[in-house]
Amino acid sequence: MRIARFRTAAGPAVDTGFGVVLGDHVARLDHRVASFDDLLADPVTPLSDDPRVPVATLTWEPPIGDHPKVVCVGFNYAAHAAESTRAPDEPSRPTLFARFGDSFVGAGTPVVRPDGEDSLDWEGEAALVVGHPGRRIPAADAWSYVAGVTCVAENSVRDWQLHSTQATAGKNWHRSGAVGPWLTTADEVGEGPLRVTTRLNGAVVQDDTTDRLTFGFAELVAYVSTFTPLRPGDLIATGTPQGIGLRRDPPRFLRPGDELEVEVSGVGVLRHGVVDEVPAFAEVGA
C-alpha cells in the first residue's frame, strides 16, 4: 500500500488531504480517518465510495507528520564514509543530526538553492516513517514500529555544513530537500535489501543497496528510540551512498534547471527540480 499526503487547488482555496495511491488516482481517506498519523498507525483499505483524486491534479506533500522529528544518519555507507574526509573510522555508533520539517518539499516541487550559495549537493536516501509510538524499542521489534519506507533527497548546502563540526546549518535551509512522493508500507516493502539510486539529469550519480549500511534499519530505530520517543509521522533518513557532488573532480553542485531523481526499489521514485531563491526583505518602517 502506498500512503500519501497531498494538496489540491480549488479556485483561491487550497485543499489538503491524505489517502492511498491507486494507480493514477488517490483514494481520499481524510473524510473517515481522523489524521494522517492515525492512518500510519492503522492503514485502512480504500472503499469503492471513497473520493478519488486524479494524481495529475494534485501536488504531493511530504508523507510525514505535521510536526515530525527528522533524524538523519551520516556516513552510513562505508564507501560514502571513505569519500568524506570528516567521516569516523569504523564507527561504533551512528552519526546523527536533525532536520527541520520545513526544510523539505514534496515530490515534484522544486527545491530551492539559497540566494548567494552555489554548494547545494544531492544526497539520495531511503528513509523510515514511524507508524507506532515507542521508546527504547528492541532491534528485534523495530520493524513493527515502522509504517513504511519513503525516498528522500536529503540535500545539503556544503559551504554552510563545513562552517563547523556540526552539520545543522548546512542541512536545514528552507525547502532545500524533498521527501516522497509517498511511503510504501512496511509489509509491502519487506525487510530485504533495497536499492537506492540517484540520477542527475538522467545520469546515475549514486547507487548502492541497504544491506551495505553500517547500521541497518532495526539498529537505527533501536538507537534513536533509546534517547528520544518516536511518534507516528517521525522520519529516520538512513544515509546516502557514495557519489555526492562535493567529491567529484571538479565538484558539481545542483543548479537551476537540474532534475534529480531518487529511486528506492519497491518504494517509488522521488523527482524534483531546482530553482534559485528569491530573497524576501523586510520593509523598514512598515
C-alpha atoms as a PDB file:
ATOM      1  CA  MET A   1       0.000   0.000   0.000  1.00  0.00           C
ATOM      2  CA  ARG A   2       1.234   3.496  -0.862  1.00  0.00           C
ATOM      3  CA  ILE A   3       0.150   6.218   1.566  1.00  0.00           C
ATOM      4  CA  ALA A   4       0.425   9.872   0.578  1.00  0.00           C
ATOM      5  CA  ARG A   5      -0.332  13.422   1.609  1.00  0.00           C
ATOM      6  CA  PHE A   6      -1.307  15.996  -0.988  1.00  0.00           C
ATOM      7  CA  ARG A   7      -2.918  19.317  -1.699  1.00  0.00           C
ATOM      8  CA  THR A   8      -5.166  20.471  -4.497  1.00  0.00           C
ATOM      9  CA  ALA A   9      -6.085  23.956  -5.649  1.00  0.00           C
ATOM     10  CA  ALA A  10      -9.794  24.670  -5.965  1.00  0.00           C
ATOM     11  CA  GLY A  11     -10.050  28.300  -7.020  1.00  0.00           C
ATOM     12  CA  PRO A  12      -8.387  30.514  -4.407  1.00  0.00           C
ATOM     13  CA  ALA A  13      -8.669  27.790  -1.739  1.00  0.00           C
ATOM     14  CA  VAL A  14      -6.092  25.074  -1.089  1.00  0.00           C
ATOM     15  CA  ASP A  15      -7.486  21.685  -0.123  1.00  0.00           C
ATOM     16  CA  THR A  16      -5.185  19.317   1.756  1.00  0.00           C
ATOM     17  CA  GLY A  17      -5.743  15.623   2.310  1.00  0.00           C
ATOM     18  CA  PHE A  18      -4.283  12.153   2.544  1.00  0.00           C
ATOM     19  CA  GLY A  19      -5.073   8.705   1.257  1.00  0.00           C
ATOM     20  CA  VAL A  20      -3.902   5.628  -0.624  1.00  0.00           C
ATOM     21  CA  VAL A  21      -2.391   5.812  -4.104  1.00  0.00           C
ATOM     22  CA  LEU A  22      -4.212   3.597  -6.597  1.00  0.00           C
ATOM     23  CA  GLY A  23      -2.542   3.929  -9.979  1.00  0.00           C
ATOM     24  CA  ASP A  24      -3.278   7.363 -11.419  1.00  0.00           C
ATOM     25  CA  HIS A  25      -5.674   8.301  -8.586  1.00  0.00           C
ATOM     26  CA  VAL A  26      -5.531   8.746  -4.834  1.00  0.00           C
ATOM     27  CA  ALA A  27      -8.386   7.356  -2.763  1.00  0.00           C
ATOM     28  CA  ARG A  28      -9.050  10.037  -0.145  1.00  0.00           C
ATOM     29  CA  LEU A  29      -9.377   8.781   3.400  1.00  0.00           C
ATOM     30  CA  ASP A  30      -9.282  12.057   5.356  1.00  0.00           C
ATOM     31  CA  HIS A  31     -13.089  12.101   5.440  1.00  0.00           C
ATOM     32  CA  ARG A  32     -13.182   8.945   7.599  1.00  0.00           C
ATOM     33  CA  VAL A  33      -9.736   8.680   9.220  1.00  0.00           C
ATOM     34  CA  ALA A  34      -9.071  11.297  11.889  1.00  0.00           C
ATOM     35  CA  SER A  35      -5.473  12.137  10.930  1.00  0.00           C
ATOM     36  CA  PHE A  36      -2.551  11.118   8.768  1.00  0.00           C
ATOM     37  CA  ASP A  37      -0.821   9.794  11.888  1.00  0.00           C
ATOM     38  CA  ASP A  38      -3.823   7.552  12.558  1.00  0.00           C
ATOM     39  CA  LEU A  39      -3.585   6.189   9.028  1.00  0.00           C
ATOM     40  CA  LEU A  40       0.098   5.406   9.550  1.00  0.00           C
ATOM     41  CA  ALA A  41      -0.681   3.550  12.762  1.00  0.00           C
ATOM     42  CA  ASP A  42      -3.586   1.612  11.281  1.00  0.00           C
ATOM     43  CA  PRO A  43      -3.721   1.615   7.458  1.00  0.00           C
ATOM     44  CA  VAL A  44      -7.201   1.011   6.094  1.00  0.00           C
ATOM     45  CA  THR A  45      -8.237  -0.342   2.726  1.00  0.00           C
ATOM     46  CA  PRO A  46      -9.976   2.149   0.424  1.00  0.00           C
ATOM     47  CA  LEU A  47     -13.661   1.549  -0.236  1.00  0.00           C
ATOM     48  CA  SER A  48     -15.424   1.911  -3.568  1.00  0.00           C
ATOM     49  CA  ASP A  49     -17.202   5.073  -2.433  1.00  0.00           C
ATOM     50  CA  ASP A  50     -14.097   6.875  -1.142  1.00  0.00           C
ATOM     51  CA  PRO A  51     -13.485  10.010  -3.242  1.00  0.00           C
ATOM     52  CA  ARG A  52     -10.838   9.661  -5.965  1.00  0.00           C
ATOM     53  CA  VAL A  53      -8.439  12.472  -6.827  1.00  0.00           C
ATOM     54  CA  PRO A  54      -6.506  12.270 -10.124  1.00  0.00           C
ATOM     55  CA  VAL A  55      -2.765  12.313  -9.476  1.00  0.00           C
ATOM     56  CA  ALA A  56      -2.377  14.754 -12.357  1.00  0.00           C
ATOM     57  CA  THR A  57      -4.381  17.383 -10.451  1.00  0.00           C
ATOM     58  CA  LEU A  58      -2.628  17.243  -7.084  1.00  0.00           C
ATOM     59  CA  THR A  59       0.628  18.401  -5.540  1.00  0.00           C
ATOM     60  CA  TRP A  60       2.461  15.941  -3.300  1.00  0.00           C
ATOM     61  CA  GLU A  61       3.262  16.894   0.277  1.00  0.00           C
ATOM     62  CA  PRO A  62       5.984  15.116   2.295  1.00  0.00           C
ATOM     63  CA  PRO A  63       4.438  11.896   3.708  1.00  0.00           C
ATOM     64  CA  ILE A  64       5.454  12.692   7.285  1.00  0.00           C
ATOM     65  CA  GLY A  65       3.763  14.103  10.385  1.00  0.00           C
ATOM     66  CA  ASP A  66       2.714  17.704  10.885  1.00  0.00           C
ATOM     67  CA  HIS A  67       5.464  18.263  13.461  1.00  0.00           C
ATOM     68  CA  PRO A  68       7.882  15.412  12.864  1.00  0.00           C
ATOM     69  CA  LYS A  69      11.170  14.561  14.440  1.00  0.00           C
ATOM     70  CA  VAL A  70      13.510  14.146  11.483  1.00  0.00           C
ATOM     71  CA  VAL A  71      16.665  12.245  12.402  1.00  0.00           C
ATOM     72  CA  CYS A  72      19.301  11.721   9.708  1.00  0.00           C
ATOM     73  CA  VAL A  73      22.249   9.334   9.701  1.00  0.00           C
ATOM     74  CA  GLY A  74      25.622  10.412   8.362  1.00  0.00           C
ATOM     75  CA  PHE A  75      28.397   8.288   6.855  1.00  0.00           C
ATOM     76  CA  ASN A  76      26.274   5.139   6.977  1.00  0.00           C
ATOM     77  CA  TYR A  77      27.588   3.590   3.757  1.00  0.00           C
ATOM     78  CA  ALA A  78      31.250   2.642   4.015  1.00  0.00           C
ATOM     79  CA  ALA A  79      32.047   3.886   0.504  1.00  0.00           C
ATOM     80  CA  HIS A  80      30.490   7.282   1.248  1.00  0.00           C
ATOM     81  CA  ALA A  81      32.330   7.449   4.566  1.00  0.00           C
ATOM     82  CA  ALA A  82      35.572   6.801   2.678  1.00  0.00           C
ATOM     83  CA  GLU A  83      34.942   9.671   0.256  1.00  0.00           C
ATOM     84  CA  SER A  84      34.177  12.060   3.145  1.00  0.00           C
ATOM     85  CA  THR A  85      37.269  13.398   4.866  1.00  0.00           C
ATOM     86  CA  ARG A  86      35.442  14.001   8.144  1.00  0.00           C
ATOM     87  CA  ALA A  87      33.972  10.516   8.465  1.00  0.00           C
ATOM     88  CA  PRO A  88      34.928   8.489  11.575  1.00  0.00           C
ATOM     89  CA  ASP A  89      36.927   5.289  11.150  1.00  0.00           C
ATOM     90  CA  GLU A  90      34.900   2.154  11.930  1.00  0.00           C
ATOM     91  CA  PRO A  91      32.218   3.943  13.969  1.00  0.00           C
ATOM     92  CA  SER A  92      30.803   2.074  16.945  1.00  0.00           C
ATOM     93  CA  ARG A  93      27.626   4.193  16.967  1.00  0.00           C
ATOM     94  CA  PRO A  94      25.635   6.027  14.308  1.00  0.00           C
ATOM     95  CA  THR A  95      26.474   9.626  13.434  1.00  0.00           C
ATOM     96  CA  LEU A  96      23.210  11.569  13.745  1.00  0.00           C
ATOM     97  CA  PHE A  97      21.922  15.046  13.009  1.00  0.00           C
ATOM     98  CA  ALA A  98      18.445  16.574  12.911  1.00  0.00           C
ATOM     99  CA  ARG A  99      16.498  18.400  10.212  1.00  0.00           C
ATOM    100  CA  PHE A 100      13.508  20.691  10.488  1.00  0.00           C
ATOM    101  CA  GLY A 101      10.320  19.573   8.783  1.00  0.00           C
ATOM    102  CA  ASP A 102      10.099  22.765   6.708  1.00  0.00           C
ATOM    103  CA  SER A 103      13.474  22.064   5.119  1.00  0.00           C
ATOM    104  CA  PHE A 104      11.628  19.576   2.868  1.00  0.00           C
ATOM    105  CA  VAL A 105       9.187  19.873  -0.021  1.00  0.00           C
ATOM    106  CA  GLY A 106       7.082  17.141  -1.568  1.00  0.00           C
ATOM    107  CA  ALA A 107       7.848  15.272  -4.769  1.00  0.00           C
ATOM    108  CA  GLY A 108       7.504  17.335  -7.935  1.00  0.00           C
ATOM    109  CA  THR A 109       8.094  20.652  -6.180  1.00  0.00           C
ATOM    110  CA  PRO A 110      11.477  22.244  -6.946  1.00  0.00           C
ATOM    111  CA  VAL A 111      13.963  22.544  -4.111  1.00  0.00           C
ATOM    112  CA  VAL A 112      15.434  25.969  -3.508  1.00  0.00           C
ATOM    113  CA  ARG A 113      19.089  26.831  -3.931  1.00  0.00           C
ATOM    114  CA  PRO A 114      19.795  29.555  -1.339  1.00  0.00           C
ATOM    115  CA  ASP A 115      20.469  33.044  -2.593  1.00  0.00           C
ATOM    116  CA  GLY A 116      24.213  33.622  -2.913  1.00  0.00           C
ATOM    117  CA  GLU A 117      25.099  29.946  -2.372  1.00  0.00           C
ATOM    118  CA  ASP A 118      26.291  27.531  -5.060  1.00  0.00           C
ATOM    119  CA  SER A 119      27.091  24.409  -2.984  1.00  0.00           C
ATOM    120  CA  LEU A 120      23.677  22.687  -2.821  1.00  0.00           C
ATOM    121  CA  ASP A 121      24.566  18.996  -3.092  1.00  0.00           C
ATOM    122  CA  TRP A 122      22.455  15.902  -3.712  1.00  0.00           C
ATOM    123  CA  GLU A 123      22.018  13.055  -1.217  1.00  0.00           C
ATOM    124  CA  GLY A 124      19.584  10.301  -2.174  1.00  0.00           C
ATOM    125  CA  GLU A 125      18.395   8.071   0.666  1.00  0.00           C
ATOM    126  CA  ALA A 126      15.858   5.528   1.858  1.00  0.00           C
ATOM    127  CA  ALA A 127      14.007   6.702   4.955  1.00  0.00           C
ATOM    128  CA  LEU A 128      11.792   5.075   7.565  1.00  0.00           C
ATOM    129  CA  VAL A 129       8.465   6.635   8.546  1.00  0.00           C
ATOM    130  CA  VAL A 130       7.386   5.743  12.063  1.00  0.00           C
ATOM    131  CA  GLY A 131       3.923   4.234  12.487  1.00  0.00           C
ATOM    132  CA  HIS A 132       3.642   3.484  16.208  1.00  0.00           C
ATOM    133  CA  PRO A 133       4.902   5.373  19.259  1.00  0.00           C
ATOM    134  CA  GLY A 134       7.773   3.797  21.121  1.00  0.00           C
ATOM    135  CA  ARG A 135      10.744   4.341  23.400  1.00  0.00           C
ATOM    136  CA  ARG A 136      13.736   2.026  23.880  1.00  0.00           C
ATOM    137  CA  ILE A 137      12.498  -0.229  21.100  1.00  0.00           C
ATOM    138  CA  PRO A 138      14.442  -3.516  20.868  1.00  0.00           C
ATOM    139  CA  ALA A 139      16.047  -4.064  17.475  1.00  0.00           C
ATOM    140  CA  ALA A 140      14.192  -7.361  17.179  1.00  0.00           C
ATOM    141  CA  ASP A 141      10.867  -5.499  17.364  1.00  0.00           C
ATOM    142  CA  ALA A 142      11.856  -2.409  15.364  1.00  0.00           C
ATOM    143  CA  TRP A 143      10.121  -3.268  12.093  1.00  0.00           C
ATOM    144  CA  SER A 144       6.726  -3.457  13.798  1.00  0.00           C
ATOM    145  CA  TYR A 145       7.059   0.243  14.705  1.00  0.00           C
ATOM    146  CA  VAL A 146       7.758   1.305  11.106  1.00  0.00           C
ATOM    147  CA  ALA A 147       4.811   2.396   8.957  1.00  0.00           C
ATOM    148  CA  GLY A 148       6.808   2.251   5.760  1.00  0.00           C
ATOM    149  CA  VAL A 149       9.702   3.454   3.646  1.00  0.00           C
ATOM    150  CA  THR A 150       9.946   6.595   1.538  1.00  0.00           C
ATOM    151  CA  CYS A 151      12.518   8.312  -0.685  1.00  0.00           C
ATOM    152  CA  VAL A 152      14.481  11.329   0.487  1.00  0.00           C
ATOM    153  CA  ALA A 153      16.613  13.880  -1.323  1.00  0.00           C
ATOM    154  CA  GLU A 154      18.497  14.854   1.827  1.00  0.00           C
ATOM    155  CA  ASN A 155      20.330  17.668   0.064  1.00  0.00           C
ATOM    156  CA  SER A 156      22.997  19.751   1.790  1.00  0.00           C
ATOM    157  CA  VAL A 157      24.432  23.240   1.416  1.00  0.00           C
ATOM    158  CA  ARG A 158      28.055  22.158   1.755  1.00  0.00           C
ATOM    159  CA  ASP A 159      29.674  25.524   2.470  1.00  0.00           C
ATOM    160  CA  TRP A 160      27.401  26.009   5.475  1.00  0.00           C
ATOM    161  CA  GLN A 161      27.766  22.390   6.548  1.00  0.00           C
ATOM    162  CA  LEU A 162      31.522  22.939   6.769  1.00  0.00           C
ATOM    163  CA  HIS A 163      31.265  26.077   8.902  1.00  0.00           C
ATOM    164  CA  SER A 164      31.815  23.906  11.985  1.00  0.00           C
ATOM    165  CA  THR A 165      31.943  20.312  13.147  1.00  0.00           C
ATOM    166  CA  GLN A 166      28.135  20.371  13.436  1.00  0.00           C
ATOM    167  CA  ALA A 167      26.021  19.871  10.313  1.00  0.00           C
ATOM    168  CA  THR A 168      22.891  21.780  11.346  1.00  0.00           C
ATOM    169  CA  ALA A 169      23.486  24.966   9.345  1.00  0.00           C
ATOM    170  CA  GLY A 170      24.081  23.131   6.079  1.00  0.00           C
ATOM    171  CA  LYS A 171      21.233  20.668   6.492  1.00  0.00           C
ATOM    172  CA  ASN A 172      18.291  22.920   7.285  1.00  0.00           C
ATOM    173  CA  TRP A 173      17.972  25.540   4.592  1.00  0.00           C
ATOM    174  CA  HIS A 174      14.301  26.171   3.941  1.00  0.00           C
ATOM    175  CA  ARG A 175      12.892  23.884   1.198  1.00  0.00           C
ATOM    176  CA  SER A 176      16.328  22.546   0.263  1.00  0.00           C
ATOM    177  CA  GLY A 177      15.403  18.836   0.376  1.00  0.00           C
ATOM    178  CA  ALA A 178      12.489  16.651  -0.670  1.00  0.00           C
ATOM    179  CA  VAL A 179      10.555  13.612   0.613  1.00  0.00           C
ATOM    180  CA  GLY A 180       8.083  11.327  -1.130  1.00  0.00           C
ATOM    181  CA  PRO A 181       6.135  11.017  -3.239  1.00  0.00           C
ATOM    182  CA  TRP A 182       4.543   8.553  -0.800  1.00  0.00           C
ATOM    183  CA  LEU A 183       5.552   5.912   1.698  1.00  0.00           C
ATOM    184  CA  THR A 184       5.191   2.254   0.802  1.00  0.00           C
ATOM    185  CA  THR A 185       4.015   0.257   3.790  1.00  0.00           C
ATOM    186  CA  ALA A 186       6.450  -1.993   5.611  1.00  0.00           C
ATOM    187  CA  ASP A 187       4.511  -5.177   4.847  1.00  0.00           C
ATOM    188  CA  GLU A 188       4.775  -4.491   1.119  1.00  0.00           C
ATOM    189  CA  VAL A 189       8.412  -3.381   1.111  1.00  0.00           C
ATOM    190  CA  GLY A 190       9.624  -6.291   3.232  1.00  0.00           C
ATOM    191  CA  GLU A 191      12.857  -6.389   5.175  1.00  0.00           C
ATOM    192  CA  GLY A 192      15.119  -7.390   2.292  1.00  0.00           C
ATOM    193  CA  PRO A 193      17.814  -5.096   0.834  1.00  0.00           C
ATOM    194  CA  LEU A 194      16.581  -2.043  -1.051  1.00  0.00           C
ATOM    195  CA  ARG A 195      18.495  -0.408  -3.884  1.00  0.00           C
ATOM    196  CA  VAL A 196      18.997   3.349  -3.575  1.00  0.00           C
ATOM    197  CA  THR A 197      19.754   5.081  -6.886  1.00  0.00           C
ATOM    198  CA  THR A 198      20.159   8.820  -7.509  1.00  0.00           C
ATOM    199  CA  ARG A 199      20.065  10.265 -11.030  1.00  0.00           C
ATOM    200  CA  LEU A 200      21.040  13.782 -12.020  1.00  0.00           C
ATOM    201  CA  ASN A 201      19.526  14.823 -15.346  1.00  0.00           C
ATOM    202  CA  GLY A 202      19.114  11.119 -16.169  1.00  0.00           C
ATOM    203  CA  ALA A 203      22.684  10.051 -15.314  1.00  0.00           C
ATOM    204  CA  VAL A 204      23.284   7.757 -12.328  1.00  0.00           C
ATOM    205  CA  VAL A 205      25.380   9.501  -9.670  1.00  0.00           C
ATOM    206  CA  GLN A 206      24.698   7.249  -6.644  1.00  0.00           C
ATOM    207  CA  ASP A 207      23.830   3.564  -6.457  1.00  0.00           C
ATOM    208  CA  ASP A 208      24.032   1.151  -3.521  1.00  0.00           C
ATOM    209  CA  THR A 209      21.916  -1.276  -1.504  1.00  0.00           C
ATOM    210  CA  THR A 210      20.762  -1.066   2.091  1.00  0.00           C
ATOM    211  CA  ASP A 211      22.388  -4.365   3.054  1.00  0.00           C
ATOM    212  CA  ARG A 212      25.632  -2.362   2.896  1.00  0.00           C
ATOM    213  CA  LEU A 213      24.560   0.114   5.560  1.00  0.00           C
ATOM    214  CA  THR A 214      26.932   0.192   8.514  1.00  0.00           C
ATOM    215  CA  PHE A 215      23.912   0.456  10.814  1.00  0.00           C
ATOM    216  CA  GLY A 216      20.795  -1.234   9.479  1.00  0.00           C
ATOM    217  CA  PHE A 217      17.163  -0.196   9.784  1.00  0.00           C
ATOM    218  CA  ALA A 218      16.476  -2.092  13.026  1.00  0.00           C
ATOM    219  CA  GLU A 219      19.665  -0.851  14.687  1.00  0.00           C
ATOM    220  CA  LEU A 220      18.767   2.735  13.845  1.00  0.00           C
ATOM    221  CA  VAL A 221      15.235   2.500  15.234  1.00  0.00           C
ATOM    222  CA  ALA A 222      16.581   0.944  18.424  1.00  0.00           C
ATOM    223  CA  TYR A 223      19.361   3.506  18.825  1.00  0.00           C
ATOM    224  CA  VAL A 224      17.277   6.604  18.092  1.00  0.00           C
ATOM    225  CA  SER A 225      14.368   5.474  20.263  1.00  0.00           C
ATOM    226  CA  THR A 226      16.722   4.989  23.189  1.00  0.00           C
ATOM    227  CA  PHE A 227      17.258   8.722  23.636  1.00  0.00           C
ATOM    228  CA  THR A 228      14.001  10.136  22.229  1.00  0.00           C
ATOM    229  CA  PRO A 229      10.440   8.829  21.988  1.00  0.00           C
ATOM    230  CA  LEU A 230       9.363   8.087  18.443  1.00  0.00           C
ATOM    231  CA  ARG A 231       5.878   9.042  17.266  1.00  0.00           C
ATOM    232  CA  PRO A 232       3.804   8.335  14.153  1.00  0.00           C
ATOM    233  CA  GLY A 233       4.986  10.559  11.327  1.00  0.00           C
ATOM    234  CA  ASP A 234       8.593  10.843  12.523  1.00  0.00           C
ATOM    235  CA  LEU A 235      11.296  10.195   9.916  1.00  0.00           C
ATOM    236  CA  ILE A 236      14.665   8.432  10.078  1.00  0.00           C
ATOM    237  CA  ALA A 237      16.779   9.062   6.966  1.00  0.00           C
ATOM    238  CA  THR A 238      19.202   6.142   6.836  1.00  0.00           C
ATOM    239  CA  GLY A 239      22.194   7.601   4.989  1.00  0.00           C
ATOM    240  CA  THR A 240      23.398   8.424   1.484  1.00  0.00           C
ATOM    241  CA  PRO A 241      25.617   6.290  -0.786  1.00  0.00           C
ATOM    242  CA  GLN A 242      28.904   7.280  -2.371  1.00  0.00           C
ATOM    243  CA  GLY A 243      28.758   9.765  -5.224  1.00  0.00           C
ATOM    244  CA  ILE A 244      27.983  13.205  -3.788  1.00  0.00           C
ATOM    245  CA  GLY A 245      28.790  16.253  -5.888  1.00  0.00           C
ATOM    246  CA  LEU A 246      31.295  17.635  -3.395  1.00  0.00           C
ATOM    247  CA  ARG A 247      33.687  14.741  -4.034  1.00  0.00           C
ATOM    248  CA  ARG A 248      33.647  14.975  -7.817  1.00  0.00           C
ATOM    249  CA  ASP A 249      36.617  16.433  -9.679  1.00  0.00           C
ATOM    250  CA  PRO A 250      35.756  19.205 -10.138  1.00  0.00           C
ATOM    251  CA  PRO A 251      32.886  19.409  -7.636  1.00  0.00           C
ATOM    252  CA  ARG A 252      29.418  19.519  -9.221  1.00  0.00           C
ATOM    253  CA  PHE A 253      26.534  21.037  -7.305  1.00  0.00           C
ATOM    254  CA  LEU A 254      22.826  21.404  -8.036  1.00  0.00           C
ATOM    255  CA  ARG A 255      21.840  24.425 -10.086  1.00  0.00           C
ATOM    256  CA  PRO A 256      18.609  25.825 -11.502  1.00  0.00           C
ATOM    257  CA  GLY A 257      17.188  23.657 -14.265  1.00  0.00           C
ATOM    258  CA  ASP A 258      18.615  20.407 -12.904  1.00  0.00           C
ATOM    259  CA  GLU A 259      16.313  17.428 -12.402  1.00  0.00           C
ATOM    260  CA  LEU A 260      17.085  14.978  -9.600  1.00  0.00           C
ATOM    261  CA  GLU A 261      15.578  11.521  -9.119  1.00  0.00           C
ATOM    262  CA  VAL A 262      15.912   9.340  -6.034  1.00  0.00           C
ATOM    263  CA  GLU A 263      14.648   5.806  -6.558  1.00  0.00           C
ATOM    264  CA  VAL A 264      14.273   3.236  -3.797  1.00  0.00           C
ATOM    265  CA  SER A 265      13.412  -0.205  -5.145  1.00  0.00           C
ATOM    266  CA  GLY A 266       9.964  -1.399  -4.154  1.00  0.00           C
ATOM    267  CA  VAL A 267       9.099   2.076  -2.863  1.00  0.00           C
ATOM    268  CA  GLY A 268       8.977   4.585  -5.710  1.00  0.00           C
ATOM    269  CA  VAL A 269      10.775   7.447  -7.417  1.00  0.00           C
ATOM    270  CA  LEU A 270      11.112  10.940  -5.949  1.00  0.00           C
ATOM    271  CA  ARG A 271      11.672  13.649  -8.563  1.00  0.00           C
ATOM    272  CA  HIS A 272      12.380  17.321  -8.073  1.00  0.00           C
ATOM    273  CA  GLY A 273      13.782  20.271  -9.951  1.00  0.00           C
ATOM    274  CA  VAL A 274      15.938  23.127  -8.675  1.00  0.00           C
ATOM    275  CA  VAL A 275      15.207  26.856  -8.581  1.00  0.00           C
ATOM    276  CA  ASP A 276      17.049  29.830  -7.157  1.00  0.00           C
ATOM    277  CA  GLU A 277      15.743  31.509  -4.035  1.00  0.00           C
ATOM    278  CA  VAL A 278      14.001  34.826  -4.489  1.00  0.00           C
ATOM    279  CA  PRO A 279      15.079  36.584  -1.296  1.00  0.00           C
ATOM    280  CA  ALA A 280      12.466  38.428   0.677  1.00  0.00           C
ATOM    281  CA  PHE A 281      13.471  41.513   2.628  1.00  0.00           C
ATOM    282  CA  ALA A 282      11.519  43.123   5.444  1.00  0.00           C
ATOM    283  CA  GLU A 283      10.323  46.615   4.723  1.00  0.00           C
ATOM    284  CA  VAL A 284      11.929  49.183   7.009  1.00  0.00           C
ATOM    285  CA  GLY A 285       9.346  51.269   8.840  1.00  0.00           C
ATOM    286  CA  ALA A 286       6.392  49.235   7.544  1.00  0.00           C
END
